[in-house]
Each structure stands twice: as C-alpha cells, then as structure tokens.
C-alpha cells in the first residue's frame, strides 16, 4: 500500500511540475513547415520499425498538439497515436548536434538520423557537413548539452 501511495504521489508531483506544452508553443518551437507538417512528411514510426526514413502518405496523417505527422501505413499511424512520445523526434525535430553544440535550431536532413535509447534524433547533412558524424564522436556530452539547451526553448 505504501508503494502505491508513493507511486501516485510521484505521478501527481511530476504532472504538476512538468506541464504539457500548448499547441501554440509547440508550433512556435518545433521544426514544422508553414502548414505545420513535421519531419518533412516522413513517417516517424518507420525510423523504428523499418530502420530507415520513409515518406509518409498525405492521406494517412495525424494532427498531434499542433504538428501534422504523415505515415506510410495505418498501422504506423495507430502506433504513433497510442504513444506519440515514443516516436516524436527529440528537440522538436531540430538538429541534435547543433542543439548540443551551441543550442541552436538548425534544419535537418530527415534521412540522417539515429535512434539513441529508444528516441529519434535528426541531423543536418548538407554541403559536405554530416553532423551525425560529429555527434558520434562526442555523443554523451552533446546529448547532455542538447537536453539542457532544449529546455530553454520549451519553457519560453
């Protein structure tokens, strides 16, 4: 019984101290196009299930807290709907390396990604600059910095 009360108390404290982001804040802070499309239309679930970036279909989409996600299959859409936090890209879909290196929002190449501890990270990869390679050289430090830097954006 004590364990149940402790667990419920933690849940209450956590839900009070970590408020959900509003859709307006998410639209402002996340890497979305003008229409609100996330990840350039790529299927966020496919990164996990297929191990690669796959274009989502316009007719299989889902609005989630201000962002529109597209999916290659209905099963992927349903998986996302059941657990969006599992599949949404980290740092609002901005480049993980740039967020860790200097706290900046930098565009990404949705086909340059890495799954770290069950989370999706996206990277800039243009003009002979693949930031995933730089991330891999110092992932621990960059991830810790990126986590801190991202908090500055989500609490604005």
Protein backbone atom coordinates (compact mmCIF):
# COMPACT_ATOMS: atom_id res chain seq x y z
CA UNK A 1 0.00 0.00 0.00
CA UNK A 2 2.84 2.41 0.87
CA UNK A 3 4.39 1.72 -2.52
CA UNK A 4 1.11 2.56 -4.29
CA UNK A 5 0.73 5.82 -2.36
CA UNK A 6 4.35 6.73 -3.12
CA UNK A 7 3.86 5.99 -6.83
CA UNK A 8 0.68 8.06 -7.01
CA UNK A 9 2.40 10.91 -5.13
CA UNK A 10 5.27 10.90 -7.62
CA UNK A 11 2.82 10.95 -10.51
CA UNK A 12 0.97 13.93 -9.04
CA UNK A 13 4.19 15.87 -8.34
CA UNK A 14 5.56 15.09 -11.80
CA UNK A 15 2.36 16.18 -13.55
CA UNK A 16 2.28 19.43 -11.59
CA UNK A 17 5.94 20.33 -12.15
CA UNK A 18 6.09 19.34 -15.84
CA UNK A 19 3.12 20.98 -17.55
CA UNK A 20 2.17 19.87 -21.04
CA UNK A 21 3.24 22.19 -23.81
CA UNK A 22 0.48 24.09 -25.53
CA UNK A 23 -0.10 23.54 -29.22
CA UNK A 24 0.83 27.18 -29.87
CA UNK A 25 4.18 26.82 -28.13
CA UNK A 26 4.89 23.58 -29.96
CA UNK A 27 4.09 25.21 -33.32
CA UNK A 28 6.45 28.04 -32.43
CA UNK A 29 9.32 25.89 -31.15
CA UNK A 30 9.14 22.75 -33.29
CA UNK A 31 10.66 22.29 -36.72
CA UNK A 32 7.47 22.45 -38.79
CA UNK A 33 6.80 23.83 -42.25
CA UNK A 34 4.25 26.62 -42.77
CA UNK A 35 1.38 24.15 -42.86
CA UNK A 36 2.50 22.52 -39.59
CA UNK A 37 3.99 19.41 -41.22
CA UNK A 38 6.67 17.69 -39.12
CA UNK A 39 9.80 15.87 -40.34
CA UNK A 40 9.21 16.98 -43.91
CA UNK A 41 6.39 14.44 -44.18
CA UNK A 42 8.50 11.43 -43.21
CA UNK A 43 6.87 8.69 -41.12
CA UNK A 44 8.21 8.96 -37.53
CA UNK A 45 7.32 5.34 -36.72
CA UNK A 46 9.17 3.92 -39.74
CA UNK A 47 12.51 5.06 -38.31
CA UNK A 48 11.93 2.49 -35.56
CA UNK A 49 10.16 -0.28 -37.46
CA UNK A 50 11.93 -0.16 -40.83
CA UNK A 51 15.22 1.32 -39.64
CA UNK A 52 15.11 3.97 -42.34
CA UNK A 53 13.37 7.18 -43.33
CA UNK A 54 10.20 6.53 -45.32
CA UNK A 55 7.92 9.16 -46.81
CA UNK A 56 4.52 9.31 -45.18
CA UNK A 57 1.35 9.47 -47.25
CA UNK A 58 -0.73 12.62 -47.29
CA UNK A 59 -3.93 10.62 -46.78
CA UNK A 60 -2.54 8.82 -43.70
CA UNK A 61 -1.81 11.68 -41.35
CA UNK A 62 -2.48 12.72 -37.79
CA UNK A 63 -2.58 16.06 -36.00
CA UNK A 64 -0.81 15.94 -32.66
CA UNK A 65 -0.60 19.04 -30.46
CA UNK A 66 -0.07 21.48 -33.30
CA UNK A 67 2.02 19.27 -35.57
CA UNK A 68 0.92 17.14 -38.51
CA UNK A 69 2.62 13.80 -38.94
CA UNK A 70 2.35 11.60 -42.02
CA UNK A 71 2.64 7.82 -42.03
CA UNK A 72 3.44 5.14 -44.58
CA UNK A 73 0.83 2.78 -43.14
CA UNK A 74 -2.28 2.90 -41.00
CA UNK A 75 -0.51 0.62 -38.51
CA UNK A 76 2.25 3.22 -38.12
CA UNK A 77 -0.32 5.97 -37.58
CA UNK A 78 -2.07 3.86 -34.95
CA UNK A 79 1.23 3.10 -33.18
CA UNK A 80 2.06 6.81 -33.06
CA UNK A 81 -1.41 7.69 -31.82
CA UNK A 82 -1.04 5.17 -28.98
CA UNK A 83 2.33 6.60 -27.83
CA UNK A 84 3.41 9.85 -29.55
CA UNK A 85 6.24 10.49 -27.10
CA UNK A 86 7.91 7.28 -28.19
CA UNK A 87 8.10 8.36 -31.83
CA UNK A 88 8.37 12.16 -31.96
CA UNK A 89 11.87 13.38 -32.80
CA UNK A 90 13.90 14.88 -29.98
CA UNK A 91 14.48 18.63 -29.71
CA UNK A 92 11.38 19.42 -31.72
CA UNK A 93 12.86 17.85 -34.84
CA UNK A 94 15.81 20.26 -34.98
CA UNK A 95 19.39 19.06 -35.48
CA UNK A 96 20.52 17.22 -32.35
CA UNK A 97 24.17 18.09 -32.95
CA UNK A 98 23.50 21.85 -33.25
CA UNK A 99 21.26 21.77 -30.17
CA UNK A 100 24.09 20.11 -28.23
CA UNK A 101 26.99 22.10 -29.66
CA UNK A 102 25.57 25.60 -29.32
CA UNK A 103 21.84 25.48 -28.51
CA UNK A 104 20.72 26.50 -31.99
CA UNK A 105 17.75 25.39 -34.04
CA UNK A 106 19.21 24.09 -37.29
CA UNK A 107 17.32 22.40 -40.13
CA UNK A 108 17.79 18.67 -40.67
CA UNK A 109 18.02 16.11 -43.39
CA UNK A 110 15.26 13.69 -42.29
CA UNK A 111 17.22 10.83 -43.84
CA UNK A 112 20.14 11.44 -41.46
CA UNK A 113 19.06 10.07 -38.10
CA UNK A 114 19.97 7.90 -35.16
CA UNK A 115 17.93 6.08 -32.53
CA UNK A 116 19.51 6.63 -29.09
CA UNK A 117 17.98 4.98 -26.02
CA UNK A 118 14.73 4.43 -27.93
CA UNK A 119 14.46 8.07 -29.07
CA UNK A 120 14.70 9.58 -32.56
CA UNK A 121 17.44 12.13 -33.21
CA UNK A 122 17.74 14.02 -36.52
CA UNK A 123 20.79 15.76 -38.01
CA UNK A 124 21.85 18.37 -40.54
CA UNK A 125 23.56 16.82 -43.57
CA UNK A 126 24.27 19.21 -46.45
CA UNK A 127 27.23 20.77 -48.19
CA UNK A 128 29.66 18.03 -47.08
CA UNK A 129 28.71 18.57 -43.43
CA UNK A 130 27.11 15.48 -41.90
CA UNK A 131 26.64 16.45 -38.25
CA UNK A 132 25.78 12.86 -37.29
CA UNK A 133 29.49 12.06 -37.67
CA UNK A 134 30.39 14.87 -35.28
CA UNK A 135 27.65 13.77 -32.86
CA UNK A 136 29.02 10.23 -32.80
CA UNK A 137 32.46 11.49 -31.74
CA UNK A 138 31.10 13.08 -28.53
CA UNK A 139 27.56 11.80 -28.11
CA UNK A 140 27.44 11.77 -24.30
CA UNK A 141 28.45 15.39 -23.84
CA UNK A 142 26.44 16.65 -26.81
CA UNK A 143 23.28 14.83 -25.71
CA UNK A 144 23.55 16.22 -22.17
CA UNK A 145 24.06 19.75 -23.55
CA UNK A 146 21.23 19.35 -26.06
CA UNK A 147 18.83 18.23 -23.31
CA UNK A 148 19.68 21.36 -21.28
CA UNK A 149 19.58 23.68 -24.28
CA UNK A 150 16.21 22.37 -25.48
CA UNK A 151 14.67 23.14 -22.08
CA UNK A 152 15.34 26.84 -22.75
CA UNK A 153 13.04 26.66 -25.78
CA UNK A 154 10.21 24.62 -24.30
CA UNK A 155 9.89 26.87 -21.27
CA UNK A 156 9.62 30.14 -23.21
